[in-house]
C-alpha cells in the first residue's frame, strides 16, 4: 500500500471517529484539541476532506481497471 493511501486512510479514520463523537455525544475532538475553528483545526478538517476526495477518486479509477467495459 502506498504511503499516500495510508495517510489518507488514517485521516479518514480520524474524521470518521470525530463525526461519530459529534453525532453521539455532541463532542468535537478536533475542536477540543486545537480550538474551535482555529487555524490548526481548520487544517485538520481540510486534510480530512482532501483525503476523502483522494480516496473517492482512487476508488473510481480502481473500479474502472477491474470492471471490463461491456457494450450492449
C-alpha atoms as a PDB file:
ATOM      1  CA  UNK A   1       0.000   0.000   0.000  1.00  0.00           C
ATOM      2  CA  UNK A   2       1.383   3.375  -0.947  1.00  0.00           C
ATOM      3  CA  UNK A   3       2.218   5.879   1.775  1.00  0.00           C
ATOM      4  CA  UNK A   4      -0.340   8.345   0.399  1.00  0.00           C
ATOM      5  CA  UNK A   5      -3.078   5.737   0.747  1.00  0.00           C
ATOM      6  CA  UNK A   6      -2.082   5.017   4.328  1.00  0.00           C
ATOM      7  CA  UNK A   7      -2.075   8.720   5.240  1.00  0.00           C
ATOM      8  CA  UNK A   8      -5.457   9.188   3.555  1.00  0.00           C
ATOM      9  CA  UNK A   9      -6.862   6.177   5.398  1.00  0.00           C
ATOM     10  CA  UNK A  10      -5.602   7.464   8.757  1.00  0.00           C
ATOM     11  CA  UNK A  11      -7.137  10.884   8.089  1.00  0.00           C
ATOM     12  CA  UNK A  12     -10.453   9.285   7.128  1.00  0.00           C
ATOM     13  CA  UNK A  13     -10.477   7.222  10.316  1.00  0.00           C
ATOM     14  CA  UNK A  14      -9.779  10.375  12.356  1.00  0.00           C
ATOM     15  CA  UNK A  15     -12.574  12.198  10.541  1.00  0.00           C
ATOM     16  CA  UNK A  16     -14.991   9.295  10.944  1.00  0.00           C
ATOM     17  CA  UNK A  17     -14.293   8.956  14.645  1.00  0.00           C
ATOM     18  CA  UNK A  18     -14.668  12.697  15.108  1.00  0.00           C
ATOM     19  CA  UNK A  19     -18.049  12.707  13.323  1.00  0.00           C
ATOM     20  CA  UNK A  20     -19.130   9.724  15.408  1.00  0.00           C
ATOM     21  CA  UNK A  21     -18.296  11.629  18.580  1.00  0.00           C
ATOM     22  CA  UNK A  22     -20.162  14.683  17.282  1.00  0.00           C
ATOM     23  CA  UNK A  23     -23.218  12.606  16.418  1.00  0.00           C
ATOM     24  CA  UNK A  24     -23.321  10.563  19.599  1.00  0.00           C
ATOM     25  CA  UNK A  25     -22.103  12.972  22.250  1.00  0.00           C
ATOM     26  CA  UNK A  26     -22.014  16.427  20.598  1.00  0.00           C
ATOM     27  CA  UNK A  27     -18.256  16.428  21.278  1.00  0.00           C
ATOM     28  CA  UNK A  28     -15.860  17.677  18.610  1.00  0.00           C
ATOM     29  CA  UNK A  29     -12.479  16.151  19.460  1.00  0.00           C
ATOM     30  CA  UNK A  30     -10.583  18.187  16.856  1.00  0.00           C
ATOM     31  CA  UNK A  31     -12.000  21.425  18.240  1.00  0.00           C
ATOM     32  CA  UNK A  32     -11.244  20.285  21.782  1.00  0.00           C
ATOM     33  CA  UNK A  33      -7.619  19.550  20.897  1.00  0.00           C
ATOM     34  CA  UNK A  34      -6.844  22.517  18.649  1.00  0.00           C
ATOM     35  CA  UNK A  35      -9.504  25.117  19.462  1.00  0.00           C
ATOM     36  CA  UNK A  36     -12.874  25.877  17.938  1.00  0.00           C
ATOM     37  CA  UNK A  37     -12.179  26.744  14.275  1.00  0.00           C
ATOM     38  CA  UNK A  38      -8.565  27.648  14.997  1.00  0.00           C
ATOM     39  CA  UNK A  39      -6.042  27.506  12.188  1.00  0.00           C
ATOM     40  CA  UNK A  40      -4.899  24.032  13.255  1.00  0.00           C
ATOM     41  CA  UNK A  41      -8.406  22.610  13.482  1.00  0.00           C
ATOM     42  CA  UNK A  42      -9.268  24.050  10.065  1.00  0.00           C
ATOM     43  CA  UNK A  43      -6.129  22.431   8.627  1.00  0.00           C
ATOM     44  CA  UNK A  44      -7.201  19.070  10.065  1.00  0.00           C
ATOM     45  CA  UNK A  45     -10.708  19.473   8.598  1.00  0.00           C
ATOM     46  CA  UNK A  46      -9.283  20.401   5.174  1.00  0.00           C
ATOM     47  CA  UNK A  47      -6.856  17.458   5.234  1.00  0.00           C
ATOM     48  CA  UNK A  48      -9.681  15.057   6.105  1.00  0.00           C
ATOM     49  CA  UNK A  49     -11.754  16.466   3.230  1.00  0.00           C
ATOM     50  CA  UNK A  50      -8.855  16.162   0.791  1.00  0.00           C
ATOM     51  CA  UNK A  51      -8.255  12.599   1.948  1.00  0.00           C
ATOM     52  CA  UNK A  52     -11.897  11.773   1.256  1.00  0.00           C
ATOM     53  CA  UNK A  53     -11.660  13.233  -2.262  1.00  0.00           C
ATOM     54  CA  UNK A  54      -8.415  11.373  -2.908  1.00  0.00           C
ATOM     55  CA  UNK A  55      -9.881   8.049  -1.795  1.00  0.00           C
ATOM     56  CA  UNK A  56     -13.056   8.647  -3.814  1.00  0.00           C
ATOM     57  CA  UNK A  57     -11.042   9.281  -6.975  1.00  0.00           C
ATOM     58  CA  UNK A  58      -8.802   6.315  -6.175  1.00  0.00           C
ATOM     59  CA  UNK A  59     -11.850   4.098  -5.735  1.00  0.00           C
ATOM     60  CA  UNK A  60     -13.414   5.237  -9.012  1.00  0.00           C
ATOM     61  CA  UNK A  61     -10.237   4.721 -11.027  1.00  0.00           C
ATOM     62  CA  UNK A  62      -9.589   1.326  -9.430  1.00  0.00           C
ATOM     63  CA  UNK A  63     -13.120   0.248 -10.305  1.00  0.00           C
ATOM     64  CA  UNK A  64     -12.563   1.107 -13.961  1.00  0.00           C
ATOM     65  CA  UNK A  65      -9.452  -1.064 -14.003  1.00  0.00           C
ATOM     66  CA  UNK A  66     -11.273  -4.051 -12.509  1.00  0.00           C
ATOM     67  CA  UNK A  67     -14.568  -3.986 -14.398  1.00  0.00           C
ATOM     68  CA  UNK A  68     -14.334  -4.601 -18.122  1.00  0.00           C
ATOM     69  CA  UNK A  69     -16.442  -2.365 -20.313  1.00  0.00           C
ATOM     70  CA  UNK A  70     -19.188  -4.351 -21.986  1.00  0.00           C
ATOM     71  CA  UNK A  71     -21.042  -2.994 -24.937  1.00  0.00           C
ATOM     72  CA  UNK A  72     -24.683  -3.910 -25.482  1.00  0.00           C
END
